[in-house]
Structures are given as structure tokens and as C-alpha cells.
Amino acid sequence: FLDLVCGAFADASAASLAGEYGAANIALETLQGPEGETYVASVLYPADPARRLEIVWRDAARSTPATVMVRGESAWVGDNGLRVGDSLERVQELNGAVFSLWGFQWDYGGWVSEWNGDQFAPHDGCMTRVRFEARAQNPRALGDREFSSEDATMRGADPVVAAFGLAFAER
């Protein structure tokens, strides 16, 4: 498995990633963001969905990471064993506390909005980011509003982790 943990990427740079993973395994890609925006990321293993990793940089020199994310069928494993496909209940268990997330079917839908200070909350300038997708149709779990991870409406949507990663504070 590939470990996606704060310590492994907090001090990463484009040069250090090229040294560790091989320059041939990294490409710059323009990716789709929320609200029609695009952004450029360094993509590690762009042709291998299981190992693909997207790194967004704080600076043009690509020396300070802002976020590191995985999506889809990924072999990457995060803190406490977090994986793509984990259920809402499992993520709450891994976090050690109830958390909040946005309703589905809008640009920020399914993203965790607040970890409530436990395992995945910001620690030492690094925070776990998670986006869920609903597997069941539940019209009451939609839209620009927050839900508790224990909310019956949200649980009725049967959400699973679709993407996760790390966000680093500015230094």
C-alpha cells in the first residue's frame, strides 16, 4: 500500500517527488475545480488509477504543497487506515468523533466541513480532507447545507469516501 500521511508530503517539492518516484512518473495536468474553475497540479502516476496522486502547489516553483489528493479506485491509504470506499460510519470511527459534511449534488457537495477537533482535524499544519459520494438517492441529503455524520438523513444516502487527501497550512 501507498501511505498518504502528513509526514510523507509536508516537505515535498516537485524536485523531491521526481527524485523519489522518478520524473517520468510525474506530469503537470489542468484539472477541474469547483464552480467551473481549473487549476494545475503535479500528478504522480497519471496513467495508473490505483497509484494516481494529485499535488497542488502553493507556489510557481512547486516547492510547497497546498493539497495532496487521491480519487477513485486508489491504493493509497491515509491516516488511521482511511481509504477510498470507506463508509460514513467507518470514517467517524477512524476520526474518533462526529463530524460535519455538506449535502450532495453541488460543487462542494459531500466534502467534510468540520472534523470537530479529533484525529483528522488540523494537527501540526496538516489536515485530512475527505469527499463523500452518496450511493443511495435521498433528496433530503442534497444541497448547500451541513449535516452531522450521525444524521439519519445523511446516513440514508449511504455515503462512501470518493476522494481524500491532505491540506497543508501556509508556513
C-alpha atoms as a PDB file:
ATOM      1  CA  PHE A   1       0.000   0.000   0.000  1.00  0.00           C
ATOM      2  CA  LEU A   2       0.976   3.616  -0.511  1.00  0.00           C
ATOM      3  CA  ASP A   3       0.864   5.809   2.599  1.00  0.00           C
ATOM      4  CA  LEU A   4      -0.746   9.210   2.225  1.00  0.00           C
ATOM      5  CA  VAL A   5       0.215  10.758   5.558  1.00  0.00           C
ATOM      6  CA  CYS A   6       1.242  14.258   6.559  1.00  0.00           C
ATOM      7  CA  GLY A   7       4.870  13.489   7.318  1.00  0.00           C
ATOM      8  CA  ALA A   8       5.459  11.967   3.896  1.00  0.00           C
ATOM      9  CA  PHE A   9       4.317  15.058   1.951  1.00  0.00           C
ATOM     10  CA  ALA A  10       4.583  18.128   4.222  1.00  0.00           C
ATOM     11  CA  ASP A  11       8.061  18.994   2.949  1.00  0.00           C
ATOM     12  CA  ALA A  12       7.642  17.644  -0.580  1.00  0.00           C
ATOM     13  CA  SER A  13       8.636  19.595  -3.653  1.00  0.00           C
ATOM     14  CA  ALA A  14       8.397  18.803  -7.342  1.00  0.00           C
ATOM     15  CA  ALA A  15      12.129  18.064  -7.281  1.00  0.00           C
ATOM     16  CA  SER A  16      11.930  15.730  -4.265  1.00  0.00           C
ATOM     17  CA  LEU A  17       8.975  13.847  -5.767  1.00  0.00           C
ATOM     18  CA  ALA A  18      10.862  13.443  -9.056  1.00  0.00           C
ATOM     19  CA  GLY A  19      13.832  12.096  -7.111  1.00  0.00           C
ATOM     20  CA  GLU A  20      11.728   9.667  -5.094  1.00  0.00           C
ATOM     21  CA  TYR A  21       9.250   8.463  -7.741  1.00  0.00           C
ATOM     22  CA  GLY A  22      11.070   9.255 -10.991  1.00  0.00           C
ATOM     23  CA  ALA A  23      10.491  12.304 -13.187  1.00  0.00           C
ATOM     24  CA  ALA A  24       8.883  10.094 -15.856  1.00  0.00           C
ATOM     25  CA  ASN A  25       6.114   9.240 -13.357  1.00  0.00           C
ATOM     26  CA  ILE A  26       5.031  12.860 -12.843  1.00  0.00           C
ATOM     27  CA  ALA A  27       3.058  15.083 -15.199  1.00  0.00           C
ATOM     28  CA  LEU A  28       1.506  18.536 -14.981  1.00  0.00           C
ATOM     29  CA  GLU A  29      -2.238  18.445 -15.653  1.00  0.00           C
ATOM     30  CA  THR A  30      -5.012  21.016 -15.720  1.00  0.00           C
ATOM     31  CA  LEU A  31      -7.840  19.711 -13.538  1.00  0.00           C
ATOM     32  CA  GLN A  32     -11.447  20.779 -12.998  1.00  0.00           C
ATOM     33  CA  GLY A  33     -12.248  22.574  -9.748  1.00  0.00           C
ATOM     34  CA  PRO A  34     -15.469  23.849  -8.204  1.00  0.00           C
ATOM     35  CA  GLU A  35     -17.626  26.497  -9.847  1.00  0.00           C
ATOM     36  CA  GLY A  36     -16.101  25.963 -13.290  1.00  0.00           C
ATOM     37  CA  GLU A  37     -12.559  26.823 -12.219  1.00  0.00           C
ATOM     38  CA  THR A  38      -9.477  24.927 -13.344  1.00  0.00           C
ATOM     39  CA  TYR A  39      -6.123  24.503 -11.648  1.00  0.00           C
ATOM     40  CA  VAL A  40      -2.747  22.972 -12.458  1.00  0.00           C
ATOM     41  CA  ALA A  41      -1.465  20.041 -10.419  1.00  0.00           C
ATOM     42  CA  SER A  42       1.516  17.734 -10.478  1.00  0.00           C
ATOM     43  CA  VAL A  43       0.107  14.250 -10.972  1.00  0.00           C
ATOM     44  CA  LEU A  44       2.085  11.288  -9.742  1.00  0.00           C
ATOM     45  CA  TYR A  45       1.467   8.142 -11.818  1.00  0.00           C
ATOM     46  CA  PRO A  46      -1.024   9.855 -14.175  1.00  0.00           C
ATOM     47  CA  ALA A  47      -1.683   6.676 -16.201  1.00  0.00           C
ATOM     48  CA  ASP A  48      -2.195   4.379 -13.195  1.00  0.00           C
ATOM     49  CA  PRO A  49      -5.568   4.995 -11.449  1.00  0.00           C
ATOM     50  CA  ALA A  50      -4.586   2.927  -8.392  1.00  0.00           C
ATOM     51  CA  ARG A  51      -1.414   4.972  -7.756  1.00  0.00           C
ATOM     52  CA  ARG A  52      -2.555   8.369  -9.114  1.00  0.00           C
ATOM     53  CA  LEU A  53      -1.919  11.265  -6.715  1.00  0.00           C
ATOM     54  CA  GLU A  54      -2.682  14.949  -7.381  1.00  0.00           C
ATOM     55  CA  ILE A  55      -0.459  17.606  -5.781  1.00  0.00           C
ATOM     56  CA  VAL A  56      -1.479  21.277  -5.881  1.00  0.00           C
ATOM     57  CA  TRP A  57       1.333  23.690  -5.044  1.00  0.00           C
ATOM     58  CA  ARG A  58       1.278  26.976  -3.143  1.00  0.00           C
ATOM     59  CA  ASP A  59       3.935  28.485  -5.383  1.00  0.00           C
ATOM     60  CA  ALA A  60       5.009  28.574  -9.021  1.00  0.00           C
ATOM     61  CA  ALA A  61       8.326  26.915  -8.115  1.00  0.00           C
ATOM     62  CA  ARG A  62       6.347  23.869  -6.893  1.00  0.00           C
ATOM     63  CA  SER A  63       8.292  23.791  -3.638  1.00  0.00           C
ATOM     64  CA  THR A  64       5.443  23.911  -1.098  1.00  0.00           C
ATOM     65  CA  PRO A  65       2.377  21.638  -1.293  1.00  0.00           C
ATOM     66  CA  ALA A  66      -1.096  23.077  -0.623  1.00  0.00           C
ATOM     67  CA  THR A  67      -3.069  19.847  -1.078  1.00  0.00           C
ATOM     68  CA  VAL A  68      -2.422  16.236  -1.980  1.00  0.00           C
ATOM     69  CA  MET A  69      -5.471  14.209  -3.113  1.00  0.00           C
ATOM     70  CA  VAL A  70      -6.487  10.784  -4.382  1.00  0.00           C
ATOM     71  CA  ARG A  71      -9.754   9.904  -6.106  1.00  0.00           C
ATOM     72  CA  GLY A  72     -11.414   6.786  -7.423  1.00  0.00           C
ATOM     73  CA  GLU A  73     -10.014   3.273  -7.134  1.00  0.00           C
ATOM     74  CA  SER A  74      -6.903   4.171  -5.199  1.00  0.00           C
ATOM     75  CA  ALA A  75      -4.302   2.039  -3.430  1.00  0.00           C
ATOM     76  CA  TRP A  76      -3.295   4.992  -1.238  1.00  0.00           C
ATOM     77  CA  VAL A  77      -4.077   4.672   2.477  1.00  0.00           C
ATOM     78  CA  GLY A  78      -4.411   7.684   4.755  1.00  0.00           C
ATOM     79  CA  ASP A  79      -4.051   8.264   8.456  1.00  0.00           C
ATOM     80  CA  ASN A  80      -5.628   5.599  10.660  1.00  0.00           C
ATOM     81  CA  GLY A  81      -6.232   3.388   7.614  1.00  0.00           C
ATOM     82  CA  LEU A  82      -8.557   5.780   5.739  1.00  0.00           C
ATOM     83  CA  ARG A  83      -9.360   4.532   2.198  1.00  0.00           C
ATOM     84  CA  VAL A  84     -11.488   5.406  -0.791  1.00  0.00           C
ATOM     85  CA  GLY A  85     -14.707   3.420  -0.398  1.00  0.00           C
ATOM     86  CA  ASP A  86     -14.887   3.725   3.404  1.00  0.00           C
ATOM     87  CA  SER A  87     -18.396   4.258   4.786  1.00  0.00           C
ATOM     88  CA  LEU A  88     -19.522   7.335   6.712  1.00  0.00           C
ATOM     89  CA  GLU A  89     -19.664   5.215   9.861  1.00  0.00           C
ATOM     90  CA  ARG A  90     -16.106   3.929   9.381  1.00  0.00           C
ATOM     91  CA  VAL A  91     -14.732   7.453   8.843  1.00  0.00           C
ATOM     92  CA  GLN A  92     -16.498   8.621  12.004  1.00  0.00           C
ATOM     93  CA  GLU A  93     -14.900   5.695  13.859  1.00  0.00           C
ATOM     94  CA  LEU A  94     -11.438   6.488  12.419  1.00  0.00           C
ATOM     95  CA  ASN A  95     -11.847  10.167  13.301  1.00  0.00           C
ATOM     96  CA  GLY A  96     -12.909   9.339  16.839  1.00  0.00           C
ATOM     97  CA  ALA A  97     -15.786  11.834  16.816  1.00  0.00           C
ATOM     98  CA  VAL A  98     -18.871  13.013  14.983  1.00  0.00           C
ATOM     99  CA  PHE A  99     -18.054  15.408  12.121  1.00  0.00           C
ATOM    100  CA  SER A 100     -19.963  17.615   9.667  1.00  0.00           C
ATOM    101  CA  LEU A 101     -20.235  17.404   5.890  1.00  0.00           C
ATOM    102  CA  TRP A 102     -22.014  19.257   3.098  1.00  0.00           C
ATOM    103  CA  GLY A 103     -25.105  17.905   1.363  1.00  0.00           C
ATOM    104  CA  PHE A 104     -24.733  16.343  -2.087  1.00  0.00           C
ATOM    105  CA  GLN A 105     -25.165  17.458  -5.716  1.00  0.00           C
ATOM    106  CA  TRP A 106     -23.467  20.829  -5.768  1.00  0.00           C
ATOM    107  CA  ASP A 107     -19.841  21.922  -6.260  1.00  0.00           C
ATOM    108  CA  TYR A 108     -18.803  21.399  -2.638  1.00  0.00           C
ATOM    109  CA  GLY A 109     -21.195  18.511  -2.074  1.00  0.00           C
ATOM    110  CA  GLY A 110     -20.017  15.658   0.105  1.00  0.00           C
ATOM    111  CA  TRP A 111     -16.917  17.452   1.449  1.00  0.00           C
ATOM    112  CA  VAL A 112     -16.272  17.255   5.187  1.00  0.00           C
ATOM    113  CA  SER A 113     -16.710  20.772   6.548  1.00  0.00           C
ATOM    114  CA  GLU A 114     -15.633  20.261  10.179  1.00  0.00           C
ATOM    115  CA  TRP A 115     -13.824  17.424  11.950  1.00  0.00           C
ATOM    116  CA  ASN A 116     -14.713  18.735  15.410  1.00  0.00           C
ATOM    117  CA  GLY A 117     -11.168  18.571  16.686  1.00  0.00           C
ATOM    118  CA  ASP A 118     -10.384  14.871  16.543  1.00  0.00           C
ATOM    119  CA  GLN A 119      -7.998  12.628  14.561  1.00  0.00           C
ATOM    120  CA  PHE A 120      -8.476  14.226  11.123  1.00  0.00           C
ATOM    121  CA  ALA A 121      -8.649  17.837  12.335  1.00  0.00           C
ATOM    122  CA  PRO A 122      -5.659  20.116  11.705  1.00  0.00           C
ATOM    123  CA  HIS A 123      -2.532  18.949  13.546  1.00  0.00           C
ATOM    124  CA  ASP A 124       0.910  20.466  13.042  1.00  0.00           C
ATOM    125  CA  GLY A 125      -0.208  22.368   9.936  1.00  0.00           C
ATOM    126  CA  CYS A 126      -1.816  19.380   8.210  1.00  0.00           C
ATOM    127  CA  MET A 127      -5.467  18.333   7.933  1.00  0.00           C
ATOM    128  CA  THR A 128      -7.194  15.362   6.328  1.00  0.00           C
ATOM    129  CA  ARG A 129      -9.694  16.265   3.589  1.00  0.00           C
ATOM    130  CA  VAL A 130     -12.491  13.882   2.595  1.00  0.00           C
ATOM    131  CA  ARG A 131     -15.253  13.994  -0.035  1.00  0.00           C
ATOM    132  CA  PHE A 132     -18.116  11.523   0.100  1.00  0.00           C
ATOM    133  CA  GLU A 133     -20.464  10.379  -2.678  1.00  0.00           C
ATOM    134  CA  ALA A 134     -23.971   9.117  -1.993  1.00  0.00           C
ATOM    135  CA  ARG A 135     -24.725   5.566  -3.117  1.00  0.00           C
ATOM    136  CA  ALA A 136     -28.469   5.895  -2.441  1.00  0.00           C
ATOM    137  CA  GLN A 137     -30.847   8.566  -3.642  1.00  0.00           C
ATOM    138  CA  ASN A 138     -32.022  10.689  -0.731  1.00  0.00           C
ATOM    139  CA  PRO A 139     -33.401  14.079  -1.814  1.00  0.00           C
ATOM    140  CA  ARG A 140     -33.243  15.374   1.752  1.00  0.00           C
ATOM    141  CA  ALA A 141     -29.436  14.930   1.794  1.00  0.00           C
ATOM    142  CA  LEU A 142     -28.881  17.368  -1.074  1.00  0.00           C
ATOM    143  CA  GLY A 143     -27.760  20.949  -1.319  1.00  0.00           C
ATOM    144  CA  ASP A 144     -25.770  23.708   0.270  1.00  0.00           C
ATOM    145  CA  ARG A 145     -26.231  22.794   3.932  1.00  0.00           C
ATOM    146  CA  GLU A 146     -24.282  20.926   6.571  1.00  0.00           C
ATOM    147  CA  PHE A 147     -25.189  17.577   8.084  1.00  0.00           C
ATOM    148  CA  SER A 148     -23.844  15.704  11.080  1.00  0.00           C
ATOM    149  CA  SER A 149     -22.200  12.382  10.306  1.00  0.00           C
ATOM    150  CA  GLU A 150     -24.799  10.876  12.639  1.00  0.00           C
ATOM    151  CA  ASP A 151     -27.777  12.483  10.896  1.00  0.00           C
ATOM    152  CA  ALA A 152     -30.278   9.829   9.774  1.00  0.00           C
ATOM    153  CA  THR A 153     -30.907  11.706   6.515  1.00  0.00           C
ATOM    154  CA  MET A 154     -27.225  11.687   5.630  1.00  0.00           C
ATOM    155  CA  ARG A 155     -26.796   8.052   6.661  1.00  0.00           C
ATOM    156  CA  GLY A 156     -29.815   7.192   4.500  1.00  0.00           C
ATOM    157  CA  ALA A 157     -27.838   8.415   1.466  1.00  0.00           C
ATOM    158  CA  ASP A 158     -25.271   5.646   2.201  1.00  0.00           C
ATOM    159  CA  PRO A 159     -22.197   7.829   1.557  1.00  0.00           C
ATOM    160  CA  VAL A 160     -18.731   6.433   0.901  1.00  0.00           C
ATOM    161  CA  VAL A 161     -15.361   8.145   0.540  1.00  0.00           C
ATOM    162  CA  ALA A 162     -14.846   9.119  -3.115  1.00  0.00           C
ATOM    163  CA  ALA A 163     -11.696  11.203  -2.547  1.00  0.00           C
ATOM    164  CA  PHE A 164      -9.371  12.018   0.307  1.00  0.00           C
ATOM    165  CA  GLY A 165      -6.106  13.729   0.924  1.00  0.00           C
ATOM    166  CA  LEU A 166      -4.197  16.279   2.907  1.00  0.00           C
ATOM    167  CA  ALA A 167      -4.325  20.058   3.140  1.00  0.00           C
ATOM    168  CA  PHE A 168      -1.303  21.941   4.449  1.00  0.00           C
ATOM    169  CA  ALA A 169      -1.433  25.298   6.243  1.00  0.00           C
ATOM    170  CA  GLU A 170       0.630  28.164   4.874  1.00  0.00           C
ATOM    171  CA  ARG A 171       4.040  28.424   6.514  1.00  0.00           C
END
